[in-house]
Each structure stands twice: as structure tokens, then as C-alpha cells.
Amino acid sequence: MEKEMIEIVNTNGSIDKVEVVTYLVTEDGQSKYLVYTKGETQGTEGDQVIYISKIISEDGTLKLDEIQNDEEWSTVQQLLKKIANSNEGE
């Protein structure tokens, strides 16, 4: 399966090419999140570092924003658990 790569323009104007892990969408469709990696690893096991950002539309342009509070993080965790549980039988 081919990896989906996208470019992210940082606030300082630099560009990062990142790999999309998945997209998350709340059940009401109001909030969308991007789960991505920059190919970094950490720890003795070489675990992949992932990032999660909220996708917002501003003047027709998609932008990434930080997750703002614990309630929003809880929502993201529930979405991730849903994906993990749906993959258990594979």
C-alpha cells in the first residue's frame, strides 16, 4: 500500500513533508483531525512518533491547529480507540 504524503507549511514558512497515518472525524462531522508522522522514532524499541492536529478551514485553505483542551483530547482518544477496536480481528 502506497503511503500518502502531504506537505505542511509551518507558521515560520518552512515546509515539512509528512506521512498521513489516518484521518479522524467526529460522529457529528463537525471536527476533523490529521494523524501523521515525520518518520521520527523514539525509545529503545524505535517506536514511531505520531502527531495529531485539528484540521480547520480558513478562507478556503486547510490549516492545522493544536488540540485545545482535555475534552477535545478525550474525543480524539475515543476516535483512536474505535479504530483500534475495529482492527482487533485482523
C-alpha atoms as a PDB file:
ATOM      1  CA  MET A   1       0.000   0.000   0.000  1.00  0.00           C
ATOM      2  CA  GLU A   2       1.397   3.362  -1.028  1.00  0.00           C
ATOM      3  CA  LYS A   3       1.991   5.907   1.706  1.00  0.00           C
ATOM      4  CA  GLU A   4       0.045   9.164   1.466  1.00  0.00           C
ATOM      5  CA  MET A   5       2.467  12.061   1.752  1.00  0.00           C
ATOM      6  CA  ILE A   6       1.416  15.687   2.201  1.00  0.00           C
ATOM      7  CA  GLU A   7       3.243  18.947   2.731  1.00  0.00           C
ATOM      8  CA  ILE A   8       2.608  21.053   5.805  1.00  0.00           C
ATOM      9  CA  VAL A   9       3.609  24.701   5.848  1.00  0.00           C
ATOM     10  CA  ASN A  10       4.740  25.673   9.345  1.00  0.00           C
ATOM     11  CA  THR A  11       3.998  29.033  10.948  1.00  0.00           C
ATOM     12  CA  ASN A  12       7.579  30.115  10.203  1.00  0.00           C
ATOM     13  CA  GLY A  13       7.080  29.346   6.497  1.00  0.00           C
ATOM     14  CA  SER A  14       9.167  26.164   6.384  1.00  0.00           C
ATOM     15  CA  ILE A  15       7.651  23.079   4.741  1.00  0.00           C
ATOM     16  CA  ASP A  16       7.567  19.571   6.217  1.00  0.00           C
ATOM     17  CA  LYS A  17       6.727  16.555   4.078  1.00  0.00           C
ATOM     18  CA  VAL A  18       4.818  14.155   6.340  1.00  0.00           C
ATOM     19  CA  GLU A  19       3.168  10.752   6.044  1.00  0.00           C
ATOM     20  CA  VAL A  20      -0.555  10.552   6.728  1.00  0.00           C
ATOM     21  CA  VAL A  21      -1.357   7.798   9.231  1.00  0.00           C
ATOM     22  CA  THR A  22      -5.120   8.391   9.230  1.00  0.00           C
ATOM     23  CA  TYR A  23      -7.827  10.999   9.386  1.00  0.00           C
ATOM     24  CA  LEU A  24     -10.288  11.149  12.268  1.00  0.00           C
ATOM     25  CA  VAL A  25     -13.776  12.644  12.045  1.00  0.00           C
ATOM     26  CA  THR A  26     -16.164  13.090  14.947  1.00  0.00           C
ATOM     27  CA  GLU A  27     -19.516  11.348  14.630  1.00  0.00           C
ATOM     28  CA  ASP A  28     -21.282  14.665  14.069  1.00  0.00           C
ATOM     29  CA  GLY A  29     -18.783  15.518  11.321  1.00  0.00           C
ATOM     30  CA  GLN A  30     -18.006  18.871  12.931  1.00  0.00           C
ATOM     31  CA  SER A  31     -14.371  18.208  13.829  1.00  0.00           C
ATOM     32  CA  LYS A  32     -11.647  16.605  11.727  1.00  0.00           C
ATOM     33  CA  TYR A  33      -8.143  15.584  12.751  1.00  0.00           C
ATOM     34  CA  LEU A  34      -4.993  14.543  10.948  1.00  0.00           C
ATOM     35  CA  VAL A  35      -2.799  11.817  12.432  1.00  0.00           C
ATOM     36  CA  TYR A  36       0.652  11.953  10.817  1.00  0.00           C
ATOM     37  CA  THR A  37       4.308  11.106  11.237  1.00  0.00           C
ATOM     38  CA  LYS A  38       7.551  12.761  10.218  1.00  0.00           C
ATOM     39  CA  GLY A  39       9.418   9.423  10.203  1.00  0.00           C
ATOM     40  CA  GLU A  40      10.904  10.017  13.659  1.00  0.00           C
ATOM     41  CA  THR A  41      11.409   7.218  16.173  1.00  0.00           C
ATOM     42  CA  GLN A  42      11.976   7.219  19.904  1.00  0.00           C
ATOM     43  CA  GLY A  43      12.873   4.823  22.683  1.00  0.00           C
ATOM     44  CA  THR A  44      14.787   1.574  22.629  1.00  0.00           C
ATOM     45  CA  GLU A  45      12.044  -0.133  20.615  1.00  0.00           C
ATOM     46  CA  GLY A  46      12.211   2.516  17.886  1.00  0.00           C
ATOM     47  CA  ASP A  47       8.559   3.473  18.297  1.00  0.00           C
ATOM     48  CA  GLN A  48       7.226   5.771  15.586  1.00  0.00           C
ATOM     49  CA  VAL A  49       6.429   9.311  16.791  1.00  0.00           C
ATOM     50  CA  ILE A  50       2.966  10.423  15.689  1.00  0.00           C
ATOM     51  CA  TYR A  51       1.334  13.827  15.748  1.00  0.00           C
ATOM     52  CA  ILE A  52      -2.342  14.714  15.863  1.00  0.00           C
ATOM     53  CA  SER A  53      -3.677  18.096  14.802  1.00  0.00           C
ATOM     54  CA  LYS A  54      -7.136  19.515  14.264  1.00  0.00           C
ATOM     55  CA  ILE A  55      -7.938  20.398  10.649  1.00  0.00           C
ATOM     56  CA  ILE A  56      -9.603  23.775  10.209  1.00  0.00           C
ATOM     57  CA  SER A  57     -10.753  25.564   7.084  1.00  0.00           C
ATOM     58  CA  GLU A  58      -9.810  29.220   6.974  1.00  0.00           C
ATOM     59  CA  ASP A  59     -10.636  31.291   3.896  1.00  0.00           C
ATOM     60  CA  GLY A  60     -10.797  28.133   1.764  1.00  0.00           C
ATOM     61  CA  THR A  61      -7.388  26.906   2.950  1.00  0.00           C
ATOM     62  CA  LEU A  62      -6.947  23.872   5.185  1.00  0.00           C
ATOM     63  CA  LYS A  63      -4.803  24.541   8.238  1.00  0.00           C
ATOM     64  CA  LEU A  64      -3.675  22.512  11.221  1.00  0.00           C
ATOM     65  CA  ASP A  65      -4.360  23.701  14.734  1.00  0.00           C
ATOM     66  CA  GLU A  66      -3.429  22.411  18.163  1.00  0.00           C
ATOM     67  CA  ILE A  67      -5.929  20.410  20.137  1.00  0.00           C
ATOM     68  CA  GLN A  68      -7.104  22.979  22.648  1.00  0.00           C
ATOM     69  CA  ASN A  69      -8.317  21.200  25.789  1.00  0.00           C
ATOM     70  CA  ASP A  70      -8.777  17.950  27.713  1.00  0.00           C
ATOM     71  CA  GLU A  71     -12.319  17.471  26.394  1.00  0.00           C
ATOM     72  CA  GLU A  72     -11.087  17.588  22.815  1.00  0.00           C
ATOM     73  CA  TRP A  73      -8.217  15.193  23.645  1.00  0.00           C
ATOM     74  CA  SER A  74     -10.749  12.822  25.168  1.00  0.00           C
ATOM     75  CA  THR A  75     -12.758  12.908  21.935  1.00  0.00           C
ATOM     76  CA  VAL A  76      -9.627  12.145  19.885  1.00  0.00           C
ATOM     77  CA  GLN A  77      -8.721   9.254  22.209  1.00  0.00           C
ATOM     78  CA  GLN A  78     -12.206   7.776  21.764  1.00  0.00           C
ATOM     79  CA  LEU A  79     -11.865   8.001  17.967  1.00  0.00           C
ATOM     80  CA  LEU A  80      -8.479   6.251  18.137  1.00  0.00           C
ATOM     81  CA  LYS A  81      -9.881   3.507  20.401  1.00  0.00           C
ATOM     82  CA  LYS A  82     -12.696   2.955  17.919  1.00  0.00           C
ATOM     83  CA  ILE A  83     -10.152   2.386  15.139  1.00  0.00           C
ATOM     84  CA  ALA A  84      -8.018   0.109  17.330  1.00  0.00           C
ATOM     85  CA  ASN A  85     -11.038  -1.982  18.344  1.00  0.00           C
ATOM     86  CA  SER A  86     -12.209  -2.353  14.741  1.00  0.00           C
ATOM     87  CA  ASN A  87      -8.753  -3.708  13.780  1.00  0.00           C
ATOM     88  CA  GLU A  88      -8.532  -6.313  16.567  1.00  0.00           C
ATOM     89  CA  GLY A  89      -9.996  -9.122  14.478  1.00  0.00           C
ATOM     90  CA  GLU A  90      -7.449  -8.724  11.668  1.00  0.00           C
END
